[in-house]
Amino acid sequence: MDKKIETVVNEQLNTELWSANMYIALQVYFEKQDLPVLALWLKTQSKKKAERMQKLAAFLLREGATVDIQSLVFGTEQWQSPVVALDSLFEHEQYFHKQVNDFMAFVRNTEYPVLQSLVLDLYVDEVHVSDFFGRIVAYACQRMEETVTIGVK
């Protein structure tokens, strides 16, 4: 396997790891805030990320490449309110969406059909779901900020 492909796949694997940890931190926060629907969605998403990490790692191993899991420094986030946490989630979704799009563009330009097929299977729905959820979170943040502003007057 080309070293550049190996590096990019490992970078995506580590992006998934970082993202899963962010989702778990948010899940715990929303559980504490008694927002079980958000907590459940985040729990489901972190499991999907773990599955994708495993599939990317299995692909690398099958192809004789090295799996390079980076050490993860993820501090405990202390969000001041659910609105701030939702803003963090929205920013994260935008970042992750861009990472996935960049990864998919890179893979499309390779001559590696097995990788192209894997990435399509892993991410085709993710892009649409992430975009849709991002819009929902943005709307929720806007509505919550309007409510907070109205309550302050």
C-alpha atoms as a PDB file:
ATOM      1  CA  MET A   1       0.000   0.000   0.000  1.00  0.00           C
ATOM      2  CA  ASP A   2       1.182   3.490  -0.833  1.00  0.00           C
ATOM      3  CA  LYS A   3       2.406   5.309   2.306  1.00  0.00           C
ATOM      4  CA  LYS A   4       0.281   8.372   1.524  1.00  0.00           C
ATOM      5  CA  ILE A   5      -2.874   6.228   1.449  1.00  0.00           C
ATOM      6  CA  GLU A   6      -1.839   4.523   4.690  1.00  0.00           C
ATOM      7  CA  THR A   7      -1.258   7.911   6.333  1.00  0.00           C
ATOM      8  CA  VAL A   8      -4.575   9.378   5.183  1.00  0.00           C
ATOM      9  CA  VAL A   9      -6.566   6.310   6.280  1.00  0.00           C
ATOM     10  CA  ASN A  10      -4.850   6.419   9.687  1.00  0.00           C
ATOM     11  CA  GLU A  11      -5.642  10.130   9.974  1.00  0.00           C
ATOM     12  CA  GLN A  12      -9.309   9.394   9.306  1.00  0.00           C
ATOM     13  CA  LEU A  13      -9.282   6.549  11.818  1.00  0.00           C
ATOM     14  CA  ASN A  14      -7.899   8.956  14.439  1.00  0.00           C
ATOM     15  CA  THR A  15     -10.440  11.622  13.477  1.00  0.00           C
ATOM     16  CA  GLU A  16     -13.157   9.042  14.165  1.00  0.00           C
ATOM     17  CA  LEU A  17     -11.569   8.265  17.548  1.00  0.00           C
ATOM     18  CA  TRP A  18     -11.436  11.937  18.516  1.00  0.00           C
ATOM     19  CA  SER A  19     -14.999  12.463  17.302  1.00  0.00           C
ATOM     20  CA  ALA A  20     -16.308   9.452  19.238  1.00  0.00           C
ATOM     21  CA  ASN A  21     -14.757  10.829  22.420  1.00  0.00           C
ATOM     22  CA  MET A  22     -16.341  14.226  21.808  1.00  0.00           C
ATOM     23  CA  TYR A  23     -19.721  12.543  21.340  1.00  0.00           C
ATOM     24  CA  ILE A  24     -19.321  10.535  24.540  1.00  0.00           C
ATOM     25  CA  ALA A  25     -18.441  13.683  26.510  1.00  0.00           C
ATOM     26  CA  LEU A  26     -21.500  15.431  25.080  1.00  0.00           C
ATOM     27  CA  GLN A  27     -23.643  12.363  25.759  1.00  0.00           C
ATOM     28  CA  VAL A  28     -22.680  12.419  29.437  1.00  0.00           C
ATOM     29  CA  TYR A  29     -23.325  16.164  29.634  1.00  0.00           C
ATOM     30  CA  PHE A  30     -26.779  15.886  28.054  1.00  0.00           C
ATOM     31  CA  GLU A  31     -27.655  12.975  30.356  1.00  0.00           C
ATOM     32  CA  LYS A  32     -26.770  15.204  33.332  1.00  0.00           C
ATOM     33  CA  GLN A  33     -28.943  17.954  31.831  1.00  0.00           C
ATOM     34  CA  ASP A  34     -31.859  15.491  31.552  1.00  0.00           C
ATOM     35  CA  LEU A  35     -31.894  15.665  27.747  1.00  0.00           C
ATOM     36  CA  PRO A  36     -32.170  11.940  26.994  1.00  0.00           C
ATOM     37  CA  VAL A  37     -32.988  12.240  23.283  1.00  0.00           C
ATOM     38  CA  LEU A  38     -29.752  14.100  22.545  1.00  0.00           C
ATOM     39  CA  ALA A  39     -27.815  11.754  24.823  1.00  0.00           C
ATOM     40  CA  LEU A  40     -29.203   8.693  23.038  1.00  0.00           C
ATOM     41  CA  TRP A  41     -28.419  10.122  19.590  1.00  0.00           C
ATOM     42  CA  LEU A  42     -24.836  10.856  20.657  1.00  0.00           C
ATOM     43  CA  LYS A  43     -24.455   7.366  22.122  1.00  0.00           C
ATOM     44  CA  THR A  44     -25.640   5.852  18.838  1.00  0.00           C
ATOM     45  CA  GLN A  45     -23.267   8.048  16.847  1.00  0.00           C
ATOM     46  CA  SER A  46     -20.265   7.157  19.023  1.00  0.00           C
ATOM     47  CA  LYS A  47     -20.996   3.466  18.419  1.00  0.00           C
ATOM     48  CA  LYS A  48     -21.106   4.081  14.651  1.00  0.00           C
ATOM     49  CA  LYS A  49     -17.761   5.844  14.864  1.00  0.00           C
ATOM     50  CA  ALA A  50     -16.277   2.886  16.752  1.00  0.00           C
ATOM     51  CA  GLU A  51     -17.535   0.537  14.031  1.00  0.00           C
ATOM     52  CA  ARG A  52     -15.966   2.712  11.337  1.00  0.00           C
ATOM     53  CA  MET A  53     -12.666   2.807  13.239  1.00  0.00           C
ATOM     54  CA  GLN A  54     -12.660  -0.984  13.420  1.00  0.00           C
ATOM     55  CA  LYS A  55     -13.402  -1.316   9.705  1.00  0.00           C
ATOM     56  CA  LEU A  56     -10.674   1.162   8.762  1.00  0.00           C
ATOM     57  CA  ALA A  57      -8.193  -0.668  11.015  1.00  0.00           C
ATOM     58  CA  ALA A  58      -9.204  -4.051   9.561  1.00  0.00           C
ATOM     59  CA  PHE A  59      -8.723  -2.665   6.044  1.00  0.00           C
ATOM     60  CA  LEU A  60      -5.224  -1.429   6.883  1.00  0.00           C
ATOM     61  CA  LEU A  61      -4.280  -4.783   8.411  1.00  0.00           C
ATOM     62  CA  ARG A  62      -5.659  -6.769   5.451  1.00  0.00           C
ATOM     63  CA  GLU A  63      -3.605  -4.604   3.106  1.00  0.00           C
ATOM     64  CA  GLY A  64      -0.429  -5.166   5.124  1.00  0.00           C
ATOM     65  CA  ALA A  65      -0.291  -1.585   6.385  1.00  0.00           C
ATOM     66  CA  THR A  66       0.326  -0.270   9.880  1.00  0.00           C
ATOM     67  CA  VAL A  67      -2.528   0.875  12.109  1.00  0.00           C
ATOM     68  CA  ASP A  68      -1.335   4.038  13.855  1.00  0.00           C
ATOM     69  CA  ILE A  69      -3.656   4.991  16.696  1.00  0.00           C
ATOM     70  CA  GLN A  70      -2.520   8.295  18.151  1.00  0.00           C
ATOM     71  CA  SER A  71      -2.659   8.981  21.859  1.00  0.00           C
ATOM     72  CA  LEU A  72      -5.718  11.014  22.599  1.00  0.00           C
ATOM     73  CA  VAL A  73      -5.732  13.971  24.939  1.00  0.00           C
ATOM     74  CA  PHE A  74      -9.335  14.868  25.520  1.00  0.00           C
ATOM     75  CA  GLY A  75     -10.058  16.992  28.547  1.00  0.00           C
ATOM     76  CA  THR A  76     -13.354  16.962  30.323  1.00  0.00           C
ATOM     77  CA  GLU A  77     -15.474  19.628  28.721  1.00  0.00           C
ATOM     78  CA  GLN A  78     -17.365  21.910  31.047  1.00  0.00           C
ATOM     79  CA  TRP A  79     -20.148  23.440  29.021  1.00  0.00           C
ATOM     80  CA  GLN A  80     -21.867  26.348  30.729  1.00  0.00           C
ATOM     81  CA  SER A  81     -25.293  25.537  29.333  1.00  0.00           C
ATOM     82  CA  PRO A  82     -27.049  23.244  26.879  1.00  0.00           C
ATOM     83  CA  VAL A  83     -26.871  26.068  24.308  1.00  0.00           C
ATOM     84  CA  VAL A  84     -23.071  26.196  24.616  1.00  0.00           C
ATOM     85  CA  ALA A  85     -22.910  22.397  24.359  1.00  0.00           C
ATOM     86  CA  LEU A  86     -25.124  22.457  21.256  1.00  0.00           C
ATOM     87  CA  ASP A  87     -22.892  25.144  19.750  1.00  0.00           C
ATOM     88  CA  SER A  88     -19.885  22.882  20.372  1.00  0.00           C
ATOM     89  CA  LEU A  89     -21.740  19.990  18.777  1.00  0.00           C
ATOM     90  CA  PHE A  90     -22.626  22.114  15.752  1.00  0.00           C
ATOM     91  CA  GLU A  91     -19.009  23.266  15.325  1.00  0.00           C
ATOM     92  CA  HIS A  92     -17.861  19.675  15.675  1.00  0.00           C
ATOM     93  CA  GLU A  93     -20.364  18.477  13.069  1.00  0.00           C
ATOM     94  CA  GLN A  94     -19.140  21.116  10.621  1.00  0.00           C
ATOM     95  CA  TYR A  95     -15.505  20.120  11.211  1.00  0.00           C
ATOM     96  CA  PHE A  96     -16.217  16.388  10.941  1.00  0.00           C
ATOM     97  CA  HIS A  97     -18.338  16.869   7.823  1.00  0.00           C
ATOM     98  CA  LYS A  98     -15.406  18.658   6.149  1.00  0.00           C
ATOM     99  CA  GLN A  99     -12.979  15.918   7.232  1.00  0.00           C
ATOM    100  CA  VAL A 100     -15.201  13.217   5.740  1.00  0.00           C
ATOM    101  CA  ASN A 101     -15.636  15.156   2.499  1.00  0.00           C
ATOM    102  CA  ASP A 102     -11.866  15.690   2.213  1.00  0.00           C
ATOM    103  CA  PHE A 103     -11.222  12.007   2.947  1.00  0.00           C
ATOM    104  CA  MET A 104     -13.775  10.893   0.362  1.00  0.00           C
ATOM    105  CA  ALA A 105     -12.278  13.252  -2.240  1.00  0.00           C
ATOM    106  CA  PHE A 106      -8.805  11.857  -1.570  1.00  0.00           C
ATOM    107  CA  VAL A 107     -10.019   8.263  -1.876  1.00  0.00           C
ATOM    108  CA  ARG A 108     -11.912   8.992  -5.104  1.00  0.00           C
ATOM    109  CA  ASN A 109      -8.628  10.167  -6.625  1.00  0.00           C
ATOM    110  CA  THR A 110      -6.793   6.960  -5.737  1.00  0.00           C
ATOM    111  CA  GLU A 111      -6.637   3.900  -7.906  1.00  0.00           C
ATOM    112  CA  TYR A 112      -7.628   1.655  -5.020  1.00  0.00           C
ATOM    113  CA  PRO A 113     -11.083   0.125  -5.727  1.00  0.00           C
ATOM    114  CA  VAL A 114     -11.198  -1.828  -2.451  1.00  0.00           C
ATOM    115  CA  LEU A 115     -10.658   1.368  -0.466  1.00  0.00           C
ATOM    116  CA  GLN A 116     -13.121   3.304  -2.628  1.00  0.00           C
ATOM    117  CA  SER A 117     -15.798   0.685  -1.999  1.00  0.00           C
ATOM    118  CA  LEU A 118     -15.117   0.617   1.749  1.00  0.00           C
ATOM    119  CA  VAL A 119     -15.248   4.391   2.075  1.00  0.00           C
ATOM    120  CA  LEU A 120     -18.446   4.611   0.073  1.00  0.00           C
ATOM    121  CA  ASP A 121     -20.026   1.989   2.349  1.00  0.00           C
ATOM    122  CA  LEU A 122     -18.810   3.753   5.495  1.00  0.00           C
ATOM    123  CA  TYR A 123     -19.618   7.341   4.653  1.00  0.00           C
ATOM    124  CA  VAL A 124     -22.273   7.755   1.972  1.00  0.00           C
ATOM    125  CA  ASP A 125     -25.070   8.057   4.534  1.00  0.00           C
ATOM    126  CA  GLU A 126     -22.884   9.904   7.046  1.00  0.00           C
ATOM    127  CA  VAL A 127     -22.550  12.977   4.856  1.00  0.00           C
ATOM    128  CA  HIS A 128     -26.314  13.357   4.472  1.00  0.00           C
ATOM    129  CA  VAL A 129     -27.135  12.580   8.116  1.00  0.00           C
ATOM    130  CA  SER A 130     -24.393  14.902   9.375  1.00  0.00           C
ATOM    131  CA  ASP A 131     -25.599  17.736   7.163  1.00  0.00           C
ATOM    132  CA  PHE A 132     -29.222  17.215   8.229  1.00  0.00           C
ATOM    133  CA  PHE A 133     -28.362  16.979  11.928  1.00  0.00           C
ATOM    134  CA  GLY A 134     -26.131  20.037  11.648  1.00  0.00           C
ATOM    135  CA  ARG A 135     -29.076  22.043  10.389  1.00  0.00           C
ATOM    136  CA  ILE A 136     -31.260  20.751  13.235  1.00  0.00           C
ATOM    137  CA  VAL A 137     -28.634  21.666  15.841  1.00  0.00           C
ATOM    138  CA  ALA A 138     -28.196  25.146  14.320  1.00  0.00           C
ATOM    139  CA  TYR A 139     -31.957  25.666  14.456  1.00  0.00           C
ATOM    140  CA  ALA A 140     -32.144  24.403  18.058  1.00  0.00           C
ATOM    141  CA  CYS A 141     -29.288  26.709  19.097  1.00  0.00           C
ATOM    142  CA  GLN A 142     -31.005  29.667  17.476  1.00  0.00           C
ATOM    143  CA  ARG A 143     -34.317  28.868  19.179  1.00  0.00           C
ATOM    144  CA  MET A 144     -32.671  28.333  22.572  1.00  0.00           C
ATOM    145  CA  GLU A 145     -30.766  31.633  22.268  1.00  0.00           C
ATOM    146  CA  GLU A 146     -34.025  33.411  21.402  1.00  0.00           C
ATOM    147  CA  THR A 147     -35.657  31.864  24.474  1.00  0.00           C
ATOM    148  CA  VAL A 148     -32.749  32.853  26.714  1.00  0.00           C
ATOM    149  CA  THR A 149     -32.772  36.406  25.308  1.00  0.00           C
ATOM    150  CA  ILE A 150     -36.529  36.719  25.827  1.00  0.00           C
ATOM    151  CA  GLY A 151     -36.192  35.460  29.394  1.00  0.00           C
ATOM    152  CA  VAL A 152     -33.446  38.013  30.183  1.00  0.00           C
ATOM    153  CA  LYS A 153     -35.533  41.074  29.258  1.00  0.00           C
END
